[in-house]
PDB file of all heavy atoms in Angstrom:
ATOM      1  N   GLU A   1    -114.351  38.628 127.895  1.00  0.00           N
ATOM      2  CA  GLU A   1    -112.911  38.386 127.996  1.00  0.00           C
ATOM      3  C   GLU A   1    -112.556  36.962 127.588  1.00  0.00           C
ATOM      4  O   GLU A   1    -111.513  36.718 126.969  1.00  0.00           O
ATOM      5  CB  GLU A   1    -112.445  38.673 129.429  1.00  0.00           C
ATOM      6  CG  GLU A   1    -110.919  38.657 129.596  1.00  0.00           C
ATOM      7  CD  GLU A   1    -110.371  37.253 129.820  1.00  0.00           C
ATOM      8  OE1 GLU A   1    -111.097  36.407 130.373  1.00  0.00           O
ATOM      9  OE2 GLU A   1    -109.218  37.009 129.420  1.00  0.00           O
ATOM     10  N   LEU A   2    -113.445  36.014 127.917  1.00  0.00           N
ATOM     11  CA  LEU A   2    -113.168  34.619 127.565  1.00  0.00           C
ATOM     12  C   LEU A   2    -113.281  34.392 126.062  1.00  0.00           C
ATOM     13  O   LEU A   2    -112.596  33.520 125.504  1.00  0.00           O
ATOM     14  CB  LEU A   2    -114.113  33.685 128.330  1.00  0.00           C
ATOM     15  CG  LEU A   2    -113.967  33.694 129.850  1.00  0.00           C
ATOM     16  CD1 LEU A   2    -114.866  32.634 130.480  1.00  0.00           C
ATOM     17  CD2 LEU A   2    -112.517  33.483 130.282  1.00  0.00           C
ATOM     18  N   PHE A   3    -114.133  35.165 125.391  1.00  0.00           N
ATOM     19  CA  PHE A   3    -114.180  35.095 123.932  1.00  0.00           C
ATOM     20  C   PHE A   3    -112.920  35.703 123.331  1.00  0.00           C
ATOM     21  O   PHE A   3    -112.331  35.166 122.385  1.00  0.00           O
ATOM     22  CB  PHE A   3    -115.424  35.813 123.397  1.00  0.00           C
ATOM     23  CG  PHE A   3    -116.693  35.009 123.518  1.00  0.00           C
ATOM     24  CD1 PHE A   3    -117.544  35.186 124.595  1.00  0.00           C
ATOM     25  CD2 PHE A   3    -117.036  34.070 122.559  1.00  0.00           C
ATOM     26  CE1 PHE A   3    -118.707  34.454 124.719  1.00  0.00           C
ATOM     27  CE2 PHE A   3    -118.203  33.329 122.670  1.00  0.00           C
ATOM     28  CZ  PHE A   3    -119.038  33.526 123.753  1.00  0.00           C
ATOM     29  N   MET A   4    -112.482  36.832 123.884  1.00  0.00           N
ATOM     30  CA  MET A   4    -111.304  37.507 123.347  1.00  0.00           C
ATOM     31  C   MET A   4    -110.037  36.650 123.503  1.00  0.00           C
ATOM     32  O   MET A   4    -109.141  36.707 122.652  1.00  0.00           O
ATOM     33  CB  MET A   4    -111.105  38.857 124.042  1.00  0.00           C
ATOM     34  CG  MET A   4    -112.153  39.893 123.691  1.00  0.00           C
ATOM     35  SD  MET A   4    -112.133  40.338 121.932  1.00  0.00           S
ATOM     36  CE  MET A   4    -110.517  41.098 121.790  1.00  0.00           C
ATOM     37  N   SER A   5    -109.964  35.868 124.567  1.00  0.00           N
ATOM     38  CA  SER A   5    -108.768  35.059 124.816  1.00  0.00           C
ATOM     39  C   SER A   5    -108.842  33.677 124.190  1.00  0.00           C
ATOM     40  O   SER A   5    -107.878  32.903 124.289  1.00  0.00           O
ATOM     41  CB  SER A   5    -108.519  34.927 126.325  1.00  0.00           C
ATOM     42  OG  SER A   5    -109.619  34.289 126.952  1.00  0.00           O
ATOM     43  N   GLY A   6    -109.964  33.347 123.548  1.00  0.00           N
ATOM     44  CA  GLY A   6    -110.073  32.079 122.851  1.00  0.00           C
ATOM     45  C   GLY A   6    -110.559  30.925 123.697  1.00  0.00           C
ATOM     46  O   GLY A   6    -110.613  29.785 123.213  1.00  0.00           O
ATOM     47  N   VAL A   7    -110.914  31.168 124.965  1.00  0.00           N
ATOM     48  CA  VAL A   7    -111.514  30.097 125.765  1.00  0.00           C
ATOM     49  C   VAL A   7    -112.855  29.694 125.154  1.00  0.00           C
ATOM     50  O   VAL A   7    -113.142  28.506 124.966  1.00  0.00           O
ATOM     51  CB  VAL A   7    -111.703  30.535 127.233  1.00  0.00           C
ATOM     52  CG1 VAL A   7    -112.455  29.459 128.010  1.00  0.00           C
ATOM     53  CG2 VAL A   7    -110.361  30.827 127.879  1.00  0.00           C
ATOM     54  N   LEU A   8    -113.661  30.685 124.836  1.00  0.00           N
ATOM     55  CA  LEU A   8    -114.968  30.451 124.226  1.00  0.00           C
ATOM     56  C   LEU A   8    -114.937  30.895 122.768  1.00  0.00           C
ATOM     57  O   LEU A   8    -114.334  31.916 122.434  1.00  0.00           O
ATOM     58  CB  LEU A   8    -116.062  31.234 124.965  1.00  0.00           C
ATOM     59  CG  LEU A   8    -116.168  31.042 126.480  1.00  0.00           C
ATOM     60  CD1 LEU A   8    -117.318  31.876 127.043  1.00  0.00           C
ATOM     61  CD2 LEU A   8    -116.345  29.571 126.839  1.00  0.00           C
ATOM     62  N   THR A   9    -115.575  30.112 121.917  1.00  0.00           N
ATOM     63  CA  THR A   9    -115.717  30.473 120.512  1.00  0.00           C
ATOM     64  C   THR A   9    -117.142  30.134 120.067  1.00  0.00           C
ATOM     65  O   THR A   9    -117.896  29.462 120.793  1.00  0.00           O
ATOM     66  CB  THR A   9    -114.715  29.727 119.612  1.00  0.00           C
ATOM     67  OG1 THR A   9    -114.931  28.312 119.736  1.00  0.00           O
ATOM     68  CG2 THR A   9    -113.278  30.039 119.997  1.00  0.00           C
ATOM     69  N   VAL A  10    -117.495  30.596 118.886  1.00  0.00           N
ATOM     70  CA  VAL A  10    -118.820  30.320 118.327  1.00  0.00           C
ATOM     71  C   VAL A  10    -118.637  29.452 117.085  1.00  0.00           C
ATOM     72  O   VAL A  10    -117.846  29.774 116.190  1.00  0.00           O
ATOM     73  CB  VAL A  10    -119.549  31.633 117.955  1.00  0.00           C
ATOM     74  CG1 VAL A  10    -120.913  31.334 117.341  1.00  0.00           C
ATOM     75  CG2 VAL A  10    -119.695  32.517 119.190  1.00  0.00           C
ATOM     76  N   ASN A  11    -119.376  28.324 117.027  1.00  0.00           N
ATOM     77  CA  ASN A  11    -119.214  27.417 115.896  1.00  0.00           C
ATOM     78  C   ASN A  11    -120.143  27.817 114.743  1.00  0.00           C
ATOM     79  O   ASN A  11    -120.828  28.838 114.798  1.00  0.00           O
ATOM     80  CB  ASN A  11    -119.454  25.968 116.326  1.00  0.00           C
ATOM     81  CG  ASN A  11    -120.887  25.686 116.744  1.00  0.00           C
ATOM     82  OD1 ASN A  11    -121.777  26.543 116.609  1.00  0.00           O
ATOM     83  ND2 ASN A  11    -121.133  24.491 117.247  1.00  0.00           N
ATOM     84  N   ASP A  12    -120.161  26.999 113.710  1.00  0.00           N
ATOM     85  CA  ASP A  12    -120.945  27.313 112.509  1.00  0.00           C
ATOM     86  C   ASP A  12    -122.445  27.343 112.774  1.00  0.00           C
ATOM     87  O   ASP A  12    -123.207  27.943 112.015  1.00  0.00           O
ATOM     88  CB  ASP A  12    -120.648  26.297 111.402  1.00  0.00           C
ATOM     89  CG  ASP A  12    -119.213  26.416 110.884  1.00  0.00           C
ATOM     90  OD1 ASP A  12    -118.619  27.498 111.073  1.00  0.00           O
ATOM     91  OD2 ASP A  12    -118.705  25.435 110.313  1.00  0.00           O
ATOM     92  N   ASP A  13    -122.879  26.668 113.854  1.00  0.00           N
ATOM     93  CA  ASP A  13    -124.299  26.668 114.222  1.00  0.00           C
ATOM     94  C   ASP A  13    -124.647  27.785 115.194  1.00  0.00           C
ATOM     95  O   ASP A  13    -125.728  27.782 115.789  1.00  0.00           O
ATOM     96  CB  ASP A  13    -124.682  25.313 114.847  1.00  0.00           C
ATOM     97  CG  ASP A  13    -124.496  24.164 113.874  1.00  0.00           C
ATOM     98  OD1 ASP A  13    -124.740  24.378 112.665  1.00  0.00           O
ATOM     99  OD2 ASP A  13    -124.098  23.076 114.310  1.00  0.00           O
ATOM    100  N   ASN A  14    -123.685  28.703 115.402  1.00  0.00           N
ATOM    101  CA  ASN A  14    -123.874  29.830 116.315  1.00  0.00           C
ATOM    102  C   ASN A  14    -124.039  29.374 117.759  1.00  0.00           C
ATOM    103  O   ASN A  14    -124.681  30.055 118.560  1.00  0.00           O
ATOM    104  CB  ASN A  14    -125.077  30.693 115.891  1.00  0.00           C
ATOM    105  CG  ASN A  14    -124.909  32.141 116.339  1.00  0.00           C
ATOM    106  OD1 ASN A  14    -123.801  32.677 116.351  1.00  0.00           O
ATOM    107  ND2 ASN A  14    -126.017  32.770 116.721  1.00  0.00           N
ATOM    108  N   ARG A  15    -123.421  28.233 118.089  1.00  0.00           N
ATOM    109  CA  ARG A  15    -123.417  27.742 119.460  1.00  0.00           C
ATOM    110  C   ARG A  15    -122.091  28.117 120.118  1.00  0.00           C
ATOM    111  O   ARG A  15    -121.031  28.127 119.471  1.00  0.00           O
ATOM    112  CB  ARG A  15    -123.575  26.214 119.497  1.00  0.00           C
ATOM    113  CG  ARG A  15    -124.899  25.700 118.925  1.00  0.00           C
ATOM    114  CD  ARG A  15    -126.051  25.938 119.898  1.00  0.00           C
ATOM    115  NE  ARG A  15    -125.826  25.324 121.192  1.00  0.00           N
ATOM    116  CZ  ARG A  15    -126.126  24.047 121.474  1.00  0.00           C
ATOM    117  NH1 ARG A  15    -126.647  23.268 120.534  1.00  0.00           N
ATOM    118  NH2 ARG A  15    -125.925  23.563 122.681  1.00  0.00           N
ATOM    119  N   VAL A  16    -122.140  28.417 121.408  1.00  0.00           N
ATOM    120  CA  VAL A  16    -120.912  28.708 122.156  1.00  0.00           C
ATOM    121  C   VAL A  16    -120.246  27.387 122.522  1.00  0.00           C
ATOM    122  O   VAL A  16    -120.866  26.505 123.138  1.00  0.00           O
ATOM    123  CB  VAL A  16    -121.220  29.516 123.428  1.00  0.00           C
ATOM    124  CG1 VAL A  16    -119.937  29.735 124.241  1.00  0.00           C
ATOM    125  CG2 VAL A  16    -121.840  30.862 123.057  1.00  0.00           C
ATOM    126  N   VAL A  17    -118.974  27.251 122.135  1.00  0.00           N
ATOM    127  CA  VAL A  17    -118.269  26.002 122.360  1.00  0.00           C
ATOM    128  C   VAL A  17    -116.877  26.290 122.924  1.00  0.00           C
ATOM    129  O   VAL A  17    -116.345  27.394 122.801  1.00  0.00           O
ATOM    130  CB  VAL A  17    -118.133  25.175 121.055  1.00  0.00           C
ATOM    131  CG1 VAL A  17    -119.506  24.796 120.506  1.00  0.00           C
ATOM    132  CG2 VAL A  17    -117.320  25.928 120.016  1.00  0.00           C
ATOM    133  N   VAL A  18    -116.318  25.246 123.546  1.00  0.00           N
ATOM    134  CA  VAL A  18    -114.933  25.264 124.010  1.00  0.00           C
ATOM    135  C   VAL A  18    -114.223  24.097 123.343  1.00  0.00           C
ATOM    136  O   VAL A  18    -114.657  22.954 123.466  1.00  0.00           O
ATOM    137  CB  VAL A  18    -114.834  25.113 125.544  1.00  0.00           C
ATOM    138  CG1 VAL A  18    -113.381  25.236 125.992  1.00  0.00           C
ATOM    139  CG2 VAL A  18    -115.705  26.133 126.246  1.00  0.00           C
ATOM    140  N   TYR A  19    -113.141  24.385 122.629  1.00  0.00           N
ATOM    141  CA  TYR A  19    -112.349  23.339 122.009  1.00  0.00           C
ATOM    142  C   TYR A  19    -111.194  22.969 122.933  1.00  0.00           C
ATOM    143  O   TYR A  19    -110.461  23.847 123.412  1.00  0.00           O
ATOM    144  CB  TYR A  19    -111.808  23.797 120.658  1.00  0.00           C
ATOM    145  CG  TYR A  19    -112.891  24.016 119.622  1.00  0.00           C
ATOM    146  CD1 TYR A  19    -113.305  25.301 119.290  1.00  0.00           C
ATOM    147  CD2 TYR A  19    -113.516  22.932 119.008  1.00  0.00           C
ATOM    148  CE1 TYR A  19    -114.305  25.511 118.355  1.00  0.00           C
ATOM    149  CE2 TYR A  19    -114.523  23.125 118.063  1.00  0.00           C
ATOM    150  CZ  TYR A  19    -114.911  24.421 117.743  1.00  0.00           C
ATOM    151  OH  TYR A  19    -115.915  24.609 116.825  1.00  0.00           O
ATOM    152  N   ALA A  20    -111.025  21.677 123.168  1.00  0.00           N
ATOM    153  CA  ALA A  20    -110.005  21.226 124.112  1.00  0.00           C
ATOM    154  C   ALA A  20    -108.622  21.749 123.750  1.00  0.00           C
ATOM    155  O   ALA A  20    -107.875  22.207 124.617  1.00  0.00           O
ATOM    156  CB  ALA A  20    -109.995  19.699 124.179  1.00  0.00           C
ATOM    157  N   GLU A  21    -108.258  21.689 122.470  1.00  0.00           N
ATOM    158  CA  GLU A  21    -106.898  22.071 122.089  1.00  0.00           C
ATOM    159  C   GLU A  21    -106.630  23.552 122.299  1.00  0.00           C
ATOM    160  O   GLU A  21    -105.484  23.970 122.491  1.00  0.00           O
ATOM    161  CB  GLU A  21    -106.605  21.682 120.649  1.00  0.00           C
ATOM    162  CG  GLU A  21    -107.438  22.382 119.614  1.00  0.00           C
ATOM    163  CD  GLU A  21    -107.147  21.855 118.222  1.00  0.00           C
ATOM    164  OE1 GLU A  21    -105.999  22.027 117.735  1.00  0.00           O
ATOM    165  OE2 GLU A  21    -108.055  21.263 117.607  1.00  0.00           O
ATOM    166  N   MET A  22    -107.675  24.394 122.304  1.00  0.00           N
ATOM    167  CA  MET A  22    -107.506  25.813 122.600  1.00  0.00           C
ATOM    168  C   MET A  22    -107.537  26.056 124.107  1.00  0.00           C
ATOM    169  O   MET A  22    -106.756  26.859 124.634  1.00  0.00           O
ATOM    170  CB  MET A  22    -108.588  26.628 121.895  1.00  0.00           C
ATOM    171  CG  MET A  22    -108.511  26.568 120.377  1.00  0.00           C
ATOM    172  SD  MET A  22    -109.860  27.457 119.568  1.00  0.00           S
ATOM    173  CE  MET A  22    -109.434  29.165 119.954  1.00  0.00           C
ATOM    174  N   PHE A  23    -108.415  25.346 124.797  1.00  0.00           N
ATOM    175  CA  PHE A  23    -108.546  25.531 126.239  1.00  0.00           C
ATOM    176  C   PHE A  23    -107.247  25.187 126.971  1.00  0.00           C
ATOM    177  O   PHE A  23    -106.811  25.908 127.871  1.00  0.00           O
ATOM    178  CB  PHE A  23    -109.691  24.666 126.769  1.00  0.00           C
ATOM    179  CG  PHE A  23    -109.931  24.821 128.246  1.00  0.00           C
ATOM    180  CD1 PHE A  23    -110.560  25.954 128.744  1.00  0.00           C
ATOM    181  CD2 PHE A  23    -109.520  23.844 129.135  1.00  0.00           C
ATOM    182  CE1 PHE A  23    -110.775  26.106 130.114  1.00  0.00           C
ATOM    183  CE2 PHE A  23    -109.743  23.988 130.503  1.00  0.00           C
ATOM    184  CZ  PHE A  23    -110.373  25.118 130.984  1.00  0.00           C
ATOM    185  N   TRP A  24    -106.608  24.079 126.560  1.00  0.00           N
ATOM    186  CA  TRP A  24    -105.404  23.634 127.261  1.00  0.00           C
ATOM    187  C   TRP A  24    -104.178  24.481 126.943  1.00  0.00           C
ATOM    188  O   TRP A  24    -103.089  24.247 127.471  1.00  0.00           O
ATOM    189  CB  TRP A  24    -105.151  22.150 126.998  1.00  0.00           C
ATOM    190  CG  TRP A  24    -106.085  21.297 127.799  1.00  0.00           C
ATOM    191  CD1 TRP A  24    -107.370  20.956 127.489  1.00  0.00           C
ATOM    192  CD2 TRP A  24    -105.817  20.699 129.067  1.00  0.00           C
ATOM    193  NE1 TRP A  24    -107.913  20.187 128.486  1.00  0.00           N
ATOM    194  CE2 TRP A  24    -106.983  19.998 129.471  1.00  0.00           C
ATOM    195  CE3 TRP A  24    -104.706  20.665 129.909  1.00  0.00           C
ATOM    196  CZ2 TRP A  24    -107.066  19.301 130.663  1.00  0.00           C
ATOM    197  CZ3 TRP A  24    -104.784  19.958 131.098  1.00  0.00           C
ATOM    198  CH2 TRP A  24    -105.953  19.295 131.464  1.00  0.00           C
ATOM    199  N   GLN A  25    -104.338  25.490 126.097  1.00  0.00           N
ATOM    200  CA  GLN A  25    -103.268  26.455 125.865  1.00  0.00           C
ATOM    201  C   GLN A  25    -103.454  27.725 126.692  1.00  0.00           C
ATOM    202  O   GLN A  25    -102.709  28.695 126.522  1.00  0.00           O
ATOM    203  CB  GLN A  25    -103.183  26.804 124.372  1.00  0.00           C
ATOM    204  CG  GLN A  25    -102.737  25.633 123.503  1.00  0.00           C
ATOM    205  CD  GLN A  25    -102.586  25.994 122.048  1.00  0.00           C
ATOM    206  OE1 GLN A  25    -101.709  26.769 121.678  1.00  0.00           O
ATOM    207  NE2 GLN A  25    -103.448  25.427 121.212  1.00  0.00           N
ATOM    208  N   GLN A  26    -104.425  27.725 127.603  1.00  0.00           N
ATOM    209  CA  GLN A  26    -104.676  28.879 128.457  1.00  0.00           C
ATOM    210  C   GLN A  26    -103.737  28.840 129.661  1.00  0.00           C
ATOM    211  O   GLN A  26    -103.954  28.108 130.627  1.00  0.00           O
ATOM    212  CB  GLN A  26    -106.140  28.879 128.918  1.00  0.00           C
ATOM    213  CG  GLN A  26    -107.143  29.008 127.791  1.00  0.00           C
ATOM    214  CD  GLN A  26    -107.126  30.400 127.172  1.00  0.00           C
ATOM    215  OE1 GLN A  26    -106.914  31.400 127.855  1.00  0.00           O
ATOM    216  NE2 GLN A  26    -107.362  30.453 125.868  1.00  0.00           N
ATOM    217  N   ALA A  27    -102.684  29.628 129.595  1.00  0.00           N
ATOM    218  CA  ALA A  27    -101.651  29.575 130.634  1.00  0.00           C
ATOM    219  C   ALA A  27    -102.193  29.892 132.020  1.00  0.00           C
ATOM    220  O   ALA A  27    -101.695  29.383 133.022  1.00  0.00           O
ATOM    221  CB  ALA A  27    -100.514  30.538 130.283  1.00  0.00           C
ATOM    222  N   ARG A  28    -103.241  30.712 132.096  1.00  0.00           N
ATOM    223  CA  ARG A  28    -103.742  31.168 133.396  1.00  0.00           C
ATOM    224  C   ARG A  28    -104.187  30.021 134.306  1.00  0.00           C
ATOM    225  O   ARG A  28    -104.229  30.179 135.528  1.00  0.00           O
ATOM    226  CB  ARG A  28    -104.930  32.111 133.174  1.00  0.00           C
ATOM    227  CG  ARG A  28    -106.216  31.399 132.768  1.00  0.00           C
ATOM    228  CD  ARG A  28    -107.357  32.328 132.511  1.00  0.00           C
ATOM    229  NE  ARG A  28    -107.324  32.825 131.143  1.00  0.00           N
ATOM    230  CZ  ARG A  28    -108.188  33.727 130.679  1.00  0.00           C
ATOM    231  NH1 ARG A  28    -109.107  34.226 131.468  1.00  0.00           N
ATOM    232  NH2 ARG A  28    -108.121  34.119 129.437  1.00  0.00           N
ATOM    233  N   LEU A  29    -104.504  28.886 133.746  1.00  0.00           N
ATOM    234  CA  LEU A  29    -105.082  27.806 134.533  1.00  0.00           C
ATOM    235  C   LEU A  29    -104.050  26.924 135.216  1.00  0.00           C
ATOM    236  O   LEU A  29    -104.315  26.354 136.261  1.00  0.00           O
ATOM    237  CB  LEU A  29    -105.985  26.944 133.650  1.00  0.00           C
ATOM    238  CG  LEU A  29    -107.187  27.686 133.072  1.00  0.00           C
ATOM    239  CD1 LEU A  29    -107.871  26.848 132.007  1.00  0.00           C
ATOM    240  CD2 LEU A  29    -108.171  28.029 134.178  1.00  0.00           C
ATOM    241  N   TRP A  30    -102.886  26.787 134.614  1.00  0.00           N
ATOM    242  CA  TRP A  30    -101.875  25.861 135.147  1.00  0.00           C
ATOM    243  C   TRP A  30    -100.528  26.533 135.366  1.00  0.00           C
ATOM    244  O   TRP A  30     -99.815  26.162 136.277  1.00  0.00           O
ATOM    245  CB  TRP A  30    -101.706  24.674 134.194  1.00  0.00           C
ATOM    246  CG  TRP A  30    -102.985  23.938 133.971  1.00  0.00           C
ATOM    247  CD1 TRP A  30    -103.560  22.994 134.784  1.00  0.00           C
ATOM    248  CD2 TRP A  30    -103.895  24.104 132.868  1.00  0.00           C
ATOM    249  NE1 TRP A  30    -104.743  22.561 134.246  1.00  0.00           N
ATOM    250  CE2 TRP A  30    -104.982  23.213 133.076  1.00  0.00           C
ATOM    251  CE3 TRP A  30    -103.886  24.894 131.723  1.00  0.00           C
ATOM    252  CZ2 TRP A  30    -106.041  23.110 132.189  1.00  0.00           C
ATOM    253  CZ3 TRP A  30    -104.941  24.807 130.824  1.00  0.00           C
ATOM    254  CH2 TRP A  30    -106.004  23.919 131.057  1.00  0.00           C
ATOM    255  N   HIS A  31    -100.185  27.470 134.514  1.00  0.00           N
ATOM    256  CA  HIS A  31     -98.908  28.159 134.626  1.00  0.00           C
ATOM    257  C   HIS A  31     -99.043  29.263 135.656  1.00  0.00           C
ATOM    258  O   HIS A  31     -99.923  30.119 135.545  1.00  0.00           O
ATOM    259  CB  HIS A  31     -98.523  28.742 133.263  1.00  0.00           C
ATOM    260  CG  HIS A  31     -97.103  29.216 133.184  1.00  0.00           C
ATOM    261  ND1 HIS A  31     -96.605  30.244 133.953  1.00  0.00           N
ATOM    262  CD2 HIS A  31     -96.065  28.799 132.411  1.00  0.00           C
ATOM    263  CE1 HIS A  31     -95.336  30.434 133.658  1.00  0.00           C
ATOM    264  NE2 HIS A  31     -94.980  29.573 132.729  1.00  0.00           N
ATOM    265  N   GLN A  32     -98.174  29.273 136.643  1.00  0.00           N
ATOM    266  CA  GLN A  32     -98.385  30.165 137.772  1.00  0.00           C
ATOM    267  C   GLN A  32     -98.033  31.625 137.497  1.00  0.00           C
ATOM    268  O   GLN A  32     -98.282  32.494 138.330  1.00  0.00           O
ATOM    269  CB  GLN A  32     -97.587  29.650 138.985  1.00  0.00           C
ATOM    270  CG  GLN A  32     -98.061  28.278 139.442  1.00  0.00           C
ATOM    271  CD  GLN A  32     -99.560  28.246 139.723  1.00  0.00           C
ATOM    272  OE1 GLN A  32    -100.044  28.895 140.637  1.00  0.00           O
ATOM    273  NE2 GLN A  32    -100.316  27.489 138.933  1.00  0.00           N
ATOM    274  N   ARG A  33     -97.472  31.906 136.311  1.00  0.00           N
ATOM    275  CA  ARG A  33     -97.320  33.314 135.947  1.00  0.00           C
ATOM    276  C   ARG A  33     -98.683  33.930 135.689  1.00  0.00           C
ATOM    277  O   ARG A  33     -98.896  35.117 135.858  1.00  0.00           O
ATOM    278  CB  ARG A  33     -96.423  33.451 134.713  1.00  0.00           C
ATOM    279  CG  ARG A  33     -96.038  34.906 134.397  1.00  0.00           C
ATOM    280  CD  ARG A  33     -95.055  34.973 133.227  1.00  0.00           C
ATOM    281  NE  ARG A  33     -95.606  34.402 132.021  1.00  0.00           N
ATOM    282  CZ  ARG A  33     -95.036  33.422 131.331  1.00  0.00           C
ATOM    283  NH1 ARG A  33     -93.912  32.879 131.767  1.00  0.00           N
ATOM    284  NH2 ARG A  33     -95.586  32.959 130.231  1.00  0.00           N
ATOM    285  N   GLY A  34     -99.624  33.102 135.189  1.00  0.00           N
ATOM    286  CA  GLY A  34    -101.027  33.503 135.108  1.00  0.00           C
ATOM    287  C   GLY A  34    -101.397  34.408 133.969  1.00  0.00           C
ATOM    288  O   GLY A  34    -102.496  34.937 133.936  1.00  0.00           O
ATOM    289  N   ASN A  35    -100.509  34.625 132.986  1.00  0.00           N
ATOM    290  CA  ASN A  35    -100.904  35.430 131.846  1.00  0.00           C
ATOM    291  C   ASN A  35    -100.143  34.961 130.605  1.00  0.00           C
ATOM    292  O   ASN A  35     -99.284  34.096 130.680  1.00  0.00           O
ATOM    293  CB  ASN A  35    -100.636  36.919 132.088  1.00  0.00           C
ATOM    294  CG  ASN A  35     -99.168  37.219 132.342  1.00  0.00           C
ATOM    295  OD1 ASN A  35     -98.316  36.924 131.524  1.00  0.00           O
ATOM    296  ND2 ASN A  35     -98.877  37.805 133.504  1.00  0.00           N
ATOM    297  N   ASP A  36    -100.485  35.509 129.465  1.00  0.00           N
ATOM    298  CA  ASP A  36     -99.888  35.080 128.208  1.00  0.00           C
ATOM    299  C   ASP A  36     -98.897  36.110 127.658  1.00  0.00           C
ATOM    300  O   ASP A  36     -98.589  36.116 126.470  1.00  0.00           O
ATOM    301  CB  ASP A  36    -100.981  34.821 127.168  1.00  0.00           C
ATOM    302  CG  ASP A  36    -101.898  33.681 127.604  1.00  0.00           C
ATOM    303  OD1 ASP A  36    -101.365  32.630 127.978  1.00  0.00           O
ATOM    304  OD2 ASP A  36    -103.124  33.850 127.557  1.00  0.00           O
ATOM    305  N   THR A  37     -98.411  37.006 128.507  1.00  0.00           N
ATOM    306  CA  THR A  37     -97.459  38.014 128.070  1.00  0.00           C
ATOM    307  C   THR A  37     -96.156  37.346 127.636  1.00  0.00           C
ATOM    308  O   THR A  37     -95.626  36.482 128.336  1.00  0.00           O
ATOM    309  CB  THR A  37     -97.169  39.013 129.203  1.00  0.00           C
ATOM    310  OG1 THR A  37     -98.377  39.628 129.601  1.00  0.00           O
ATOM    311  CG2 THR A  37     -96.192  40.081 128.735  1.00  0.00           C
ATOM    312  N   VAL A  38     -95.645  37.744 126.479  1.00  0.00           N
ATOM    313  CA  VAL A  38     -94.385  37.178 126.005  1.00  0.00           C
ATOM    314  C   VAL A  38     -93.264  38.184 126.210  1.00  0.00           C
ATOM    315  O   VAL A  38     -93.471  39.392 126.145  1.00  0.00           O
ATOM    316  CB  VAL A  38     -94.477  36.768 124.522  1.00  0.00           C
ATOM    317  CG1 VAL A  38     -95.482  35.644 124.346  1.00  0.00           C
ATOM    318  CG2 VAL A  38     -94.828  37.941 123.630  1.00  0.00           C
ATOM    319  N   PHE A  39     -92.098  37.658 126.477  1.00  0.00           N
ATOM    320  CA  PHE A  39     -90.926  38.491 126.709  1.00  0.00           C
ATOM    321  C   PHE A  39     -90.461  39.042 125.358  1.00  0.00           C
ATOM    322  O   PHE A  39     -90.322  38.294 124.390  1.00  0.00           O
ATOM    323  CB  PHE A  39     -89.827  37.647 127.350  1.00  0.00           C
ATOM    324  CG  PHE A  39     -88.725  38.441 127.983  1.00  0.00           C
ATOM    325  CD1 PHE A  39     -88.936  39.127 129.161  1.00  0.00           C
ATOM    326  CD2 PHE A  39     -87.456  38.485 127.404  1.00  0.00           C
ATOM    327  CE1 PHE A  39     -87.909  39.834 129.773  1.00  0.00           C
ATOM    328  CE2 PHE A  39     -86.431  39.189 127.993  1.00  0.00           C
ATOM    329  CZ  PHE A  39     -86.658  39.871 129.179  1.00  0.00           C
ATOM    330  N   PRO A  40     -90.203  40.338 125.246  1.00  0.00           N
ATOM    331  CA  PRO A  40     -89.807  40.914 123.942  1.00  0.00           C
ATOM    332  C   PRO A  40     -88.517  40.292 123.408  1.00  0.00           C
ATOM    333  O   PRO A  40     -87.661  39.837 124.169  1.00  0.00           O
ATOM    334  CB  PRO A  40     -89.613  42.405 124.257  1.00  0.00           C
ATOM    335  CG  PRO A  40     -90.388  42.637 125.518  1.00  0.00           C
ATOM    336  CD  PRO A  40     -90.316  41.365 126.293  1.00  0.00           C
ATOM    337  N   VAL A  41     -88.390  40.313 122.079  1.00  0.00           N
ATOM    338  CA  VAL A  41     -87.213  39.716 121.442  1.00  0.00           C
ATOM    339  C   VAL A  41     -86.097  40.752 121.308  1.00  0.00           C
ATOM    340  O   VAL A  41     -86.295  41.850 120.777  1.00  0.00           O
ATOM    341  CB  VAL A  41     -87.574  39.156 120.052  1.00  0.00           C
ATOM    342  CG1 VAL A  41     -86.311  38.656 119.346  1.00  0.00           C
ATOM    343  CG2 VAL A  41     -88.581  38.023 120.184  1.00  0.00           C
ATOM    344  N   ARG A  42     -84.951  40.392 121.828  1.00  0.00           N
ATOM    345  CA  ARG A  42     -83.706  41.162 121.622  1.00  0.00           C
ATOM    346  C   ARG A  42     -82.595  40.132 121.495  1.00  0.00           C
ATOM    347  O   ARG A  42     -82.398  39.304 122.402  1.00  0.00           O
ATOM    348  CB  ARG A  42     -83.419  42.093 122.799  1.00  0.00           C
ATOM    349  CG  ARG A  42     -82.052  42.764 122.736  1.00  0.00           C
ATOM    350  CD  ARG A  42     -81.824  43.689 123.925  1.00  0.00           C
ATOM    351  NE  ARG A  42     -80.482  44.262 123.900  1.00  0.00           N
ATOM    352  CZ  ARG A  42     -79.429  43.740 124.550  1.00  0.00           C
ATOM    353  NH1 ARG A  42     -79.582  42.643 125.285  1.00  0.00           N
ATOM    354  NH2 ARG A  42     -78.244  44.318 124.464  1.00  0.00           N
ATOM    355  N   TYR A  43     -81.878  40.146 120.386  1.00  0.00           N
ATOM    356  CA  TYR A  43     -80.856  39.125 120.149  1.00  0.00           C
ATOM    357  C   TYR A  43     -79.543  39.490 120.822  1.00  0.00           C
ATOM    358  O   TYR A  43     -79.103  40.653 120.790  1.00  0.00           O
ATOM    359  CB  TYR A  43     -80.653  38.905 118.651  1.00  0.00           C
ATOM    360  CG  TYR A  43     -81.779  38.108 118.042  1.00  0.00           C
ATOM    361  CD1 TYR A  43     -82.863  38.750 117.441  1.00  0.00           C
ATOM    362  CD2 TYR A  43     -81.786  36.707 118.117  1.00  0.00           C
ATOM    363  CE1 TYR A  43     -83.910  38.022 116.902  1.00  0.00           C
ATOM    364  CE2 TYR A  43     -82.838  35.975 117.586  1.00  0.00           C
ATOM    365  CZ  TYR A  43     -83.895  36.636 116.980  1.00  0.00           C
ATOM    366  OH  TYR A  43     -84.939  35.913 116.470  1.00  0.00           O
ATOM    367  N   ILE A  44     -78.943  38.481 121.451  1.00  0.00           N
ATOM    368  CA  ILE A  44     -77.660  38.635 122.115  1.00  0.00           C
ATOM    369  C   ILE A  44     -76.778  37.435 121.737  1.00  0.00           C
ATOM    370  O   ILE A  44     -77.247  36.486 121.087  1.00  0.00           O
ATOM    371  CB  ILE A  44     -77.798  38.722 123.648  1.00  0.00           C
ATOM    372  CG1 ILE A  44     -78.445  37.446 124.208  1.00  0.00           C
ATOM    373  CG2 ILE A  44     -78.616  39.957 124.040  1.00  0.00           C
ATOM    374  CD1 ILE A  44     -78.486  37.402 125.728  1.00  0.00           C
TER     375      ILE A  44
END
């Protein structure tokens, strides 16, 4: 699940890495809604 959500990735050397700029976009850690679901677009 952490690979699917972009917390963990694999670099060119086939090592498991975490990039800071991707990690700090993980809403579950700081945003209390706890998920990345977006509200659907409907124009008003």
